[in-house]
Amino acid sequence: MTIHKTRSLICTVLEECQIDTRAKSLLQAALDASWRAPAVRTAPRLKMQVSDTVKAQVRALAYSTDMTMGQIADRVGLRIQGRVSEILNGKRK
């Protein structure tokens, strides 16, 4: 069961069931404690800004050779081939 479904179930019990004050306070405490902590980035981002020169190199290699995206990424110094895909699909302008 997901946190969201669990919270919904507890809310339903609190609203619709006739339960004593102690049980209500325990359920309310469980409801209050069931929030998911937000994701916190603790490490610095490793992704570099892709310059226009690198983008042009990627496009030139992709359109003029039969290199794979991984090979293109290695050639131009990108960390992962996903950056090459993003450049070619217009997601890195």
PDB file of N, CA and C in Angstrom:
ATOM      1  N   MET A   1       0.851  -1.173   0.000  1.00  0.00           N
ATOM      2  CA  MET A   1       0.000   0.000   0.000  1.00  0.00           C
ATOM      3  C   MET A   1       0.899   1.238   0.000  1.00  0.00           C
ATOM      4  N   THR A   2       0.537   2.225  -0.786  1.00  0.00           N
ATOM      5  CA  THR A   2       1.341   3.440  -0.874  1.00  0.00           C
ATOM      6  C   THR A   2       1.049   4.372   0.304  1.00  0.00           C
ATOM      7  N   ILE A   3       1.916   5.326   0.497  1.00  0.00           N
ATOM      8  CA  ILE A   3       1.713   6.309   1.568  1.00  0.00           C
ATOM      9  C   ILE A   3       0.413   7.070   1.323  1.00  0.00           C
ATOM     10  N   HIS A   4       0.179   7.442   0.072  1.00  0.00           N
ATOM     11  CA  HIS A   4      -1.038   8.195  -0.244  1.00  0.00           C
ATOM     12  C   HIS A   4      -2.292   7.399   0.109  1.00  0.00           C
ATOM     13  N   LYS A   5      -2.328   6.117  -0.255  1.00  0.00           N
ATOM     14  CA  LYS A   5      -3.496   5.284   0.048  1.00  0.00           C
ATOM     15  C   LYS A   5      -3.652   5.087   1.558  1.00  0.00           C
ATOM     16  N   THR A   6      -2.529   4.927   2.240  1.00  0.00           N
ATOM     17  CA  THR A   6      -2.580   4.768   3.696  1.00  0.00           C
ATOM     18  C   THR A   6      -3.140   6.024   4.353  1.00  0.00           C
ATOM     19  N   ARG A   7      -2.667   7.182   3.899  1.00  0.00           N
ATOM     20  CA  ARG A   7      -3.169   8.450   4.454  1.00  0.00           C
ATOM     21  C   ARG A   7      -4.666   8.601   4.177  1.00  0.00           C
ATOM     22  N   SER A   8      -5.106   8.229   2.985  1.00  0.00           N
ATOM     23  CA  SER A   8      -6.528   8.318   2.642  1.00  0.00           C
ATOM     24  C   SER A   8      -7.363   7.409   3.534  1.00  0.00           C
ATOM     25  N   LEU A   9      -6.859   6.219   3.774  1.00  0.00           N
ATOM     26  CA  LEU A   9      -7.568   5.265   4.632  1.00  0.00           C
ATOM     27  C   LEU A   9      -7.680   5.794   6.058  1.00  0.00           C
ATOM     28  N   ILE A  10      -6.609   6.340   6.581  1.00  0.00           N
ATOM     29  CA  ILE A  10      -6.640   6.896   7.939  1.00  0.00           C
ATOM     30  C   ILE A  10      -7.620   8.062   8.015  1.00  0.00           C
ATOM     31  N   CYS A  11      -7.622   8.931   7.008  1.00  0.00           N
ATOM     32  CA  CYS A  11      -8.566  10.050   6.979  1.00  0.00           C
ATOM     33  C   CYS A  11     -10.003   9.559   6.961  1.00  0.00           C
ATOM     34  N   THR A  12     -10.266   8.519   6.188  1.00  0.00           N
ATOM     35  CA  THR A  12     -11.611   7.946   6.119  1.00  0.00           C
ATOM     36  C   THR A  12     -12.041   7.415   7.477  1.00  0.00           C
ATOM     37  N   VAL A  13     -11.149   6.702   8.151  1.00  0.00           N
ATOM     38  CA  VAL A  13     -11.463   6.166   9.481  1.00  0.00           C
ATOM     39  C   VAL A  13     -11.729   7.305  10.456  1.00  0.00           C
ATOM     40  N   LEU A  14     -10.920   8.350  10.419  1.00  0.00           N
ATOM     41  CA  LEU A  14     -11.113   9.484  11.328  1.00  0.00           C
ATOM     42  C   LEU A  14     -12.454  10.181  11.087  1.00  0.00           C
ATOM     43  N   GLU A  15     -12.864  10.292   9.821  1.00  0.00           N
ATOM     44  CA  GLU A  15     -14.086  11.025   9.495  1.00  0.00           C
ATOM     45  C   GLU A  15     -15.350  10.190   9.668  1.00  0.00           C
ATOM     46  N   GLU A  16     -15.285   8.906   9.347  1.00  0.00           N
ATOM     47  CA  GLU A  16     -16.510   8.114   9.243  1.00  0.00           C
ATOM     48  C   GLU A  16     -16.760   7.152  10.396  1.00  0.00           C
ATOM     49  N   CYS A  17     -15.745   6.824  11.173  1.00  0.00           N
ATOM     50  CA  CYS A  17     -15.919   5.815  12.219  1.00  0.00           C
ATOM     51  C   CYS A  17     -16.100   6.466  13.584  1.00  0.00           C
ATOM     52  N   GLN A  18     -16.909   5.827  14.371  1.00  0.00           N
ATOM     53  CA  GLN A  18     -17.118   6.271  15.745  1.00  0.00           C
ATOM     54  C   GLN A  18     -16.049   5.620  16.625  1.00  0.00           C
ATOM     55  N   ILE A  19     -14.994   6.374  16.913  1.00  0.00           N
ATOM     56  CA  ILE A  19     -13.920   5.835  17.748  1.00  0.00           C
ATOM     57  C   ILE A  19     -13.656   6.795  18.888  1.00  0.00           C
ATOM     58  N   ASP A  20     -13.058   6.264  19.965  1.00  0.00           N
ATOM     59  CA  ASP A  20     -12.839   7.095  21.144  1.00  0.00           C
ATOM     60  C   ASP A  20     -11.728   8.127  20.904  1.00  0.00           C
ATOM     61  N   THR A  21     -11.601   9.040  21.811  1.00  0.00           N
ATOM     62  CA  THR A  21     -10.657  10.152  21.682  1.00  0.00           C
ATOM     63  C   THR A  21      -9.217   9.674  21.611  1.00  0.00           C
ATOM     64  N   ARG A  22      -8.878   8.678  22.415  1.00  0.00           N
ATOM     65  CA  ARG A  22      -7.508   8.140  22.424  1.00  0.00           C
ATOM     66  C   ARG A  22      -7.155   7.537  21.057  1.00  0.00           C
ATOM     67  N   ALA A  23      -8.067   6.758  20.495  1.00  0.00           N
ATOM     68  CA  ALA A  23      -7.813   6.152  19.183  1.00  0.00           C
ATOM     69  C   ALA A  23      -7.711   7.230  18.109  1.00  0.00           C
ATOM     70  N   LYS A  24      -8.555   8.268  18.215  1.00  0.00           N
ATOM     71  CA  LYS A  24      -8.473   9.365  17.247  1.00  0.00           C
ATOM     72  C   LYS A  24      -7.126  10.068  17.335  1.00  0.00           C
ATOM     73  N   SER A  25      -6.639  10.288  18.547  1.00  0.00           N
ATOM     74  CA  SER A  25      -5.354  10.983  18.686  1.00  0.00           C
ATOM     75  C   SER A  25      -4.203  10.127  18.155  1.00  0.00           C
ATOM     76  N   LEU A  26      -4.287   8.810  18.349  1.00  0.00           N
ATOM     77  CA  LEU A  26      -3.253   7.919  17.820  1.00  0.00           C
ATOM     78  C   LEU A  26      -3.281   7.901  16.285  1.00  0.00           C
ATOM     79  N   LEU A  27      -4.490   7.832  15.713  1.00  0.00           N
ATOM     80  CA  LEU A  27      -4.604   7.858  14.256  1.00  0.00           C
ATOM     81  C   LEU A  27      -4.134   9.197  13.682  1.00  0.00           C
ATOM     82  N   GLN A  28      -4.444  10.285  14.374  1.00  0.00           N
ATOM     83  CA  GLN A  28      -3.999  11.598  13.915  1.00  0.00           C
ATOM     84  C   GLN A  28      -2.476  11.688  13.972  1.00  0.00           C
ATOM     85  N   ALA A  29      -1.875  11.119  15.009  1.00  0.00           N
ATOM     86  CA  ALA A  29      -0.413  11.107  15.117  1.00  0.00           C
ATOM     87  C   ALA A  29       0.199  10.289  13.972  1.00  0.00           C
ATOM     88  N   ALA A  30      -0.428   9.156  13.648  1.00  0.00           N
ATOM     89  CA  ALA A  30       0.058   8.343  12.525  1.00  0.00           C
ATOM     90  C   ALA A  30      -0.085   9.107  11.213  1.00  0.00           C
ATOM     91  N   LEU A  31      -1.174   9.821  11.066  1.00  0.00           N
ATOM     92  CA  LEU A  31      -1.391  10.619   9.855  1.00  0.00           C
ATOM     93  C   LEU A  31      -0.339  11.720   9.737  1.00  0.00           C
ATOM     94  N   ASP A  32      -0.063  12.395  10.833  1.00  0.00           N
ATOM     95  CA  ASP A  32       0.926  13.472  10.835  1.00  0.00           C
ATOM     96  C   ASP A  32       2.337  12.952  10.552  1.00  0.00           C
ATOM     97  N   ALA A  33       2.616  11.715  10.966  1.00  0.00           N
ATOM     98  CA  ALA A  33       3.953  11.152  10.790  1.00  0.00           C
ATOM     99  C   ALA A  33       4.148  10.472   9.436  1.00  0.00           C
ATOM    100  N   SER A  34       3.101  10.404   8.641  1.00  0.00           N
ATOM    101  CA  SER A  34       3.198   9.625   7.412  1.00  0.00           C
ATOM    102  C   SER A  34       3.512  10.453   6.167  1.00  0.00           C
ATOM    103  N   TRP A  35       4.096  11.598   6.353  1.00  0.00           N
ATOM    104  CA  TRP A  35       4.517  12.393   5.200  1.00  0.00           C
ATOM    105  C   TRP A  35       5.856  11.903   4.706  1.00  0.00           C
ATOM    106  N   ARG A  36       5.997  11.853   3.404  1.00  0.00           N
ATOM    107  CA  ARG A  36       7.274  11.475   2.804  1.00  0.00           C
ATOM    108  C   ARG A  36       8.188  12.696   2.831  1.00  0.00           C
ATOM    109  N   ALA A  37       9.408  12.490   3.282  1.00  0.00           N
ATOM    110  CA  ALA A  37      10.369  13.594   3.308  1.00  0.00           C
ATOM    111  C   ALA A  37      10.731  13.977   1.871  1.00  0.00           C
ATOM    112  N   PRO A  38      10.813  15.270   1.585  1.00  0.00           N
ATOM    113  CA  PRO A  38      11.168  15.667   0.215  1.00  0.00           C
ATOM    114  C   PRO A  38      12.593  15.244  -0.130  1.00  0.00           C
ATOM    115  N   ALA A  39      12.807  14.983  -1.393  1.00  0.00           N
ATOM    116  CA  ALA A  39      14.148  14.601  -1.836  1.00  0.00           C
ATOM    117  C   ALA A  39      15.082  15.789  -1.676  1.00  0.00           C
ATOM    118  N   VAL A  40      16.223  15.541  -1.115  1.00  0.00           N
ATOM    119  CA  VAL A  40      17.197  16.602  -0.905  1.00  0.00           C
ATOM    120  C   VAL A  40      18.473  16.220  -1.628  1.00  0.00           C
ATOM    121  N   ARG A  41      18.936  17.124  -2.461  1.00  0.00           N
ATOM    122  CA  ARG A  41      20.177  16.877  -3.195  1.00  0.00           C
ATOM    123  C   ARG A  41      21.339  17.284  -2.293  1.00  0.00           C
ATOM    124  N   THR A  42      22.162  16.305  -1.926  1.00  0.00           N
ATOM    125  CA  THR A  42      23.289  16.589  -1.049  1.00  0.00           C
ATOM    126  C   THR A  42      24.603  16.703  -1.809  1.00  0.00           C
ATOM    127  N   ALA A  43      24.690  16.089  -2.945  1.00  0.00           N
ATOM    128  CA  ALA A  43      25.920  16.140  -3.734  1.00  0.00           C
ATOM    129  C   ALA A  43      25.792  17.221  -4.802  1.00  0.00           C
ATOM    130  N   PRO A  44      26.890  17.825  -5.185  1.00  0.00           N
ATOM    131  CA  PRO A  44      26.808  18.836  -6.240  1.00  0.00           C
ATOM    132  C   PRO A  44      26.453  18.188  -7.578  1.00  0.00           C
ATOM    133  N   ARG A  45      25.836  18.943  -8.425  1.00  0.00           N
ATOM    134  CA  ARG A  45      25.490  18.431  -9.748  1.00  0.00           C
ATOM    135  C   ARG A  45      26.758  18.238 -10.558  1.00  0.00           C
ATOM    136  N   LEU A  46      26.817  17.131 -11.274  1.00  0.00           N
ATOM    137  CA  LEU A  46      27.991  16.821 -12.085  1.00  0.00           C
ATOM    138  C   LEU A  46      27.810  17.226 -13.533  1.00  0.00           C
ATOM    139  N   LYS A  47      26.590  17.502 -13.905  1.00  0.00           N
ATOM    140  CA  LYS A  47      26.310  17.765 -15.307  1.00  0.00           C
ATOM    141  C   LYS A  47      26.878  19.127 -15.704  1.00  0.00           C
ATOM    142  N   MET A  48      27.639  19.122 -16.772  1.00  0.00           N
ATOM    143  CA  MET A  48      28.222  20.363 -17.246  1.00  0.00           C
ATOM    144  C   MET A  48      27.272  21.043 -18.222  1.00  0.00           C
ATOM    145  N   GLN A  49      27.428  22.339 -18.363  1.00  0.00           N
ATOM    146  CA  GLN A  49      26.668  23.054 -19.374  1.00  0.00           C
ATOM    147  C   GLN A  49      27.252  22.688 -20.729  1.00  0.00           C
ATOM    148  N   VAL A  50      26.410  22.386 -21.661  1.00  0.00           N
ATOM    149  CA  VAL A  50      26.865  21.993 -22.987  1.00  0.00           C
ATOM    150  C   VAL A  50      26.968  23.258 -23.837  1.00  0.00           C
ATOM    151  N   SER A  51      28.159  23.546 -24.310  1.00  0.00           N
ATOM    152  CA  SER A  51      28.382  24.753 -25.104  1.00  0.00           C
ATOM    153  C   SER A  51      27.834  24.586 -26.518  1.00  0.00           C
ATOM    154  N   ASP A  52      27.661  25.712 -27.193  1.00  0.00           N
ATOM    155  CA  ASP A  52      27.177  25.675 -28.578  1.00  0.00           C
ATOM    156  C   ASP A  52      28.165  24.950 -29.480  1.00  0.00           C
ATOM    157  N   THR A  53      29.453  25.071 -29.187  1.00  0.00           N
ATOM    158  CA  THR A  53      30.479  24.392 -29.978  1.00  0.00           C
ATOM    159  C   THR A  53      30.326  22.881 -29.877  1.00  0.00           C
ATOM    160  N   VAL A  54      30.115  22.383 -28.653  1.00  0.00           N
ATOM    161  CA  VAL A  54      29.945  20.938 -28.454  1.00  0.00           C
ATOM    162  C   VAL A  54      28.671  20.468 -29.141  1.00  0.00           C
ATOM    163  N   LYS A  55      27.603  21.265 -29.043  1.00  0.00           N
ATOM    164  CA  LYS A  55      26.352  20.894 -29.712  1.00  0.00           C
ATOM    165  C   LYS A  55      26.562  20.778 -31.223  1.00  0.00           C
ATOM    166  N   ALA A  56      27.280  21.730 -31.780  1.00  0.00           N
ATOM    167  CA  ALA A  56      27.544  21.693 -33.227  1.00  0.00           C
ATOM    168  C   ALA A  56      28.377  20.470 -33.593  1.00  0.00           C
ATOM    169  N   GLN A  57      29.366  20.135 -32.750  1.00  0.00           N
ATOM    170  CA  GLN A  57      30.190  18.949 -33.003  1.00  0.00           C
ATOM    171  C   GLN A  57      29.337  17.680 -32.967  1.00  0.00           C
ATOM    172  N   VAL A  58      28.452  17.607 -31.989  1.00  0.00           N
ATOM    173  CA  VAL A  58      27.581  16.433 -31.858  1.00  0.00           C
ATOM    174  C   VAL A  58      26.720  16.283 -33.102  1.00  0.00           C
ATOM    175  N   ARG A  59      26.087  17.372 -33.527  1.00  0.00           N
ATOM    176  CA  ARG A  59      25.229  17.299 -34.714  1.00  0.00           C
ATOM    177  C   ARG A  59      26.025  16.911 -35.952  1.00  0.00           C
ATOM    178  N   ALA A  60      27.220  17.500 -36.097  1.00  0.00           N
ATOM    179  CA  ALA A  60      28.047  17.197 -37.265  1.00  0.00           C
ATOM    180  C   ALA A  60      28.439  15.718 -37.289  1.00  0.00           C
ATOM    181  N   LEU A  61      28.851  15.192 -36.130  1.00  0.00           N
ATOM    182  CA  LEU A  61      29.238  13.781 -36.072  1.00  0.00           C
ATOM    183  C   LEU A  61      28.040  12.859 -36.308  1.00  0.00           C
ATOM    184  N   ALA A  62      26.891  13.236 -35.757  1.00  0.00           N
ATOM    185  CA  ALA A  62      25.708  12.382 -35.888  1.00  0.00           C
ATOM    186  C   ALA A  62      25.226  12.313 -37.339  1.00  0.00           C
ATOM    187  N   TYR A  63      25.285  13.437 -38.028  1.00  0.00           N
ATOM    188  CA  TYR A  63      24.746  13.474 -39.389  1.00  0.00           C
ATOM    189  C   TYR A  63      25.756  13.059 -40.451  1.00  0.00           C
ATOM    190  N   SER A  64      27.052  13.086 -40.120  1.00  0.00           N
ATOM    191  CA  SER A  64      28.048  12.787 -41.155  1.00  0.00           C
ATOM    192  C   SER A  64      28.767  11.453 -40.953  1.00  0.00           C
ATOM    193  N   THR A  65      28.556  10.787 -39.820  1.00  0.00           N
ATOM    194  CA  THR A  65      29.219   9.509 -39.569  1.00  0.00           C
ATOM    195  C   THR A  65      28.187   8.482 -39.132  1.00  0.00           C
ATOM    196  N   ASP A  66      28.629   7.253 -39.001  1.00  0.00           N
ATOM    197  CA  ASP A  66      27.735   6.212 -38.483  1.00  0.00           C
ATOM    198  C   ASP A  66      28.100   5.848 -37.048  1.00  0.00           C
ATOM    199  N   MET A  67      28.686   6.808 -36.329  1.00  0.00           N
ATOM    200  CA  MET A  67      29.062   6.574 -34.930  1.00  0.00           C
ATOM    201  C   MET A  67      27.806   6.442 -34.068  1.00  0.00           C
ATOM    202  N   THR A  68      27.915   5.643 -33.009  1.00  0.00           N
ATOM    203  CA  THR A  68      26.811   5.523 -32.059  1.00  0.00           C
ATOM    204  C   THR A  68      26.804   6.739 -31.145  1.00  0.00           C
ATOM    205  N   MET A  69      25.723   6.910 -30.422  1.00  0.00           N
ATOM    206  CA  MET A  69      25.634   8.047 -29.503  1.00  0.00           C
ATOM    207  C   MET A  69      26.707   7.969 -28.426  1.00  0.00           C
ATOM    208  N   GLY A  70      27.009   6.766 -27.976  1.00  0.00           N
ATOM    209  CA  GLY A  70      28.069   6.593 -26.983  1.00  0.00           C
ATOM    210  C   GLY A  70      29.425   6.989 -27.522  1.00  0.00           C
ATOM    211  N   GLN A  71      29.684   6.632 -28.764  1.00  0.00           N
ATOM    212  CA  GLN A  71      30.961   7.002 -29.378  1.00  0.00           C
ATOM    213  C   GLN A  71      31.051   8.519 -29.577  1.00  0.00           C
ATOM    214  N   ILE A  72      29.945   9.132 -29.965  1.00  0.00           N
ATOM    215  CA  ILE A  72      29.934  10.584 -30.122  1.00  0.00           C
ATOM    216  C   ILE A  72      30.174  11.263 -28.780  1.00  0.00           C
ATOM    217  N   ALA A  73      29.523  10.760 -27.731  1.00  0.00           N
ATOM    218  CA  ALA A  73      29.710  11.338 -26.396  1.00  0.00           C
ATOM    219  C   ALA A  73      31.169  11.245 -25.973  1.00  0.00           C
ATOM    220  N   ASP A  74      31.798  10.106 -26.211  1.00  0.00           N
ATOM    221  CA  ASP A  74      33.215   9.957 -25.868  1.00  0.00           C
ATOM    222  C   ASP A  74      34.083  10.921 -26.664  1.00  0.00           C
ATOM    223  N   ARG A  75      33.786  11.072 -27.936  1.00  0.00           N
ATOM    224  CA  ARG A  75      34.596  11.913 -28.820  1.00  0.00           C
ATOM    225  C   ARG A  75      34.555  13.384 -28.400  1.00  0.00           C
ATOM    226  N   VAL A  76      33.371  13.885 -28.027  1.00  0.00           N
ATOM    227  CA  VAL A  76      33.243  15.310 -27.700  1.00  0.00           C
ATOM    228  C   VAL A  76      33.383  15.601 -26.207  1.00  0.00           C
ATOM    229  N   GLY A  77      33.539  14.550 -25.395  1.00  0.00           N
ATOM    230  CA  GLY A  77      33.794  14.745 -23.969  1.00  0.00           C
ATOM    231  C   GLY A  77      32.562  14.876 -23.095  1.00  0.00           C
ATOM    232  N   LEU A  78      31.421  14.369 -23.547  1.00  0.00           N
ATOM    233  CA  LEU A  78      30.225  14.363 -22.714  1.00  0.00           C
ATOM    234  C   LEU A  78      30.257  13.145 -21.803  1.00  0.00           C
ATOM    235  N   ARG A  79      29.637  13.254 -20.645  1.00  0.00           N
ATOM    236  CA  ARG A  79      29.685  12.167 -19.665  1.00  0.00           C
ATOM    237  C   ARG A  79      28.847  10.964 -20.081  1.00  0.00           C
ATOM    238  N   ILE A  80      27.692  11.232 -20.679  1.00  0.00           N
ATOM    239  CA  ILE A  80      26.786  10.131 -21.023  1.00  0.00           C
ATOM    240  C   ILE A  80      26.196  10.335 -22.408  1.00  0.00           C
ATOM    241  N   GLN A  81      25.777   9.261 -23.023  1.00  0.00           N
ATOM    242  CA  GLN A  81      25.209   9.338 -24.358  1.00  0.00           C
ATOM    243  C   GLN A  81      23.835   9.988 -24.351  1.00  0.00           C
ATOM    244  N   GLY A  82      23.210  10.070 -23.201  1.00  0.00           N
ATOM    245  CA  GLY A  82      21.901  10.717 -23.107  1.00  0.00           C
ATOM    246  C   GLY A  82      21.961  12.182 -23.498  1.00  0.00           C
ATOM    247  N   ARG A  83      23.083  12.830 -23.223  1.00  0.00           N
ATOM    248  CA  ARG A  83      23.257  14.233 -23.625  1.00  0.00           C
ATOM    249  C   ARG A  83      23.229  14.354 -25.144  1.00  0.00           C
ATOM    250  N   VAL A  84      23.837  13.387 -25.824  1.00  0.00           N
ATOM    251  CA  VAL A  84      23.848  13.388 -27.292  1.00  0.00           C
ATOM    252  C   VAL A  84      22.402  13.268 -27.781  1.00  0.00           C
ATOM    253  N   SER A  85      21.651  12.363 -27.200  1.00  0.00           N
ATOM    254  CA  SER A  85      20.244  12.179 -27.581  1.00  0.00           C
ATOM    255  C   SER A  85      19.455  13.466 -27.354  1.00  0.00           C
ATOM    256  N   GLU A  86      19.675  14.119 -26.213  1.00  0.00           N
ATOM    257  CA  GLU A  86      18.977  15.374 -25.919  1.00  0.00           C
ATOM    258  C   GLU A  86      19.301  16.449 -26.939  1.00  0.00           C
ATOM    259  N   ILE A  87      20.577  16.545 -27.319  1.00  0.00           N
ATOM    260  CA  ILE A  87      20.991  17.546 -28.314  1.00  0.00           C
ATOM    261  C   ILE A  87      20.334  17.260 -29.653  1.00  0.00           C
ATOM    262  N   LEU A  88      20.346  16.021 -30.077  1.00  0.00           N
ATOM    263  CA  LEU A  88      19.799  15.658 -31.380  1.00  0.00           C
ATOM    264  C   LEU A  88      18.266  15.788 -31.431  1.00  0.00           C
ATOM    265  N   ASN A  89      17.615  15.609 -30.290  1.00  0.00           N
ATOM    266  CA  ASN A  89      16.156  15.699 -30.245  1.00  0.00           C
ATOM    267  C   ASN A  89      15.654  17.080 -29.850  1.00  0.00           C
ATOM    268  N   GLY A  90      16.565  18.045 -29.726  1.00  0.00           N
ATOM    269  CA  GLY A  90      16.176  19.420 -29.448  1.00  0.00           C
ATOM    270  C   GLY A  90      15.860  19.737 -28.001  1.00  0.00           C
ATOM    271  N   LYS A  91      16.229  18.860 -27.068  1.00  0.00           N
ATOM    272  CA  LYS A  91      15.954  19.120 -25.665  1.00  0.00           C
ATOM    273  C   LYS A  91      17.069  19.901 -24.988  1.00  0.00           C
ATOM    274  N   ARG A  92      18.180  20.050 -25.659  1.00  0.00           N
ATOM    275  CA  ARG A  92      19.295  20.886 -25.182  1.00  0.00           C
ATOM    276  C   ARG A  92      19.546  21.935 -26.245  1.00  0.00           C
ATOM    277  N   LYS A  93      18.907  23.056 -26.093  1.00  0.00           N
ATOM    278  CA  LYS A  93      19.041  24.098 -27.128  1.00  0.00           C
ATOM    279  C   LYS A  93      20.149  25.066 -26.829  1.00  0.00           C
TER     280      LYS A  93
END
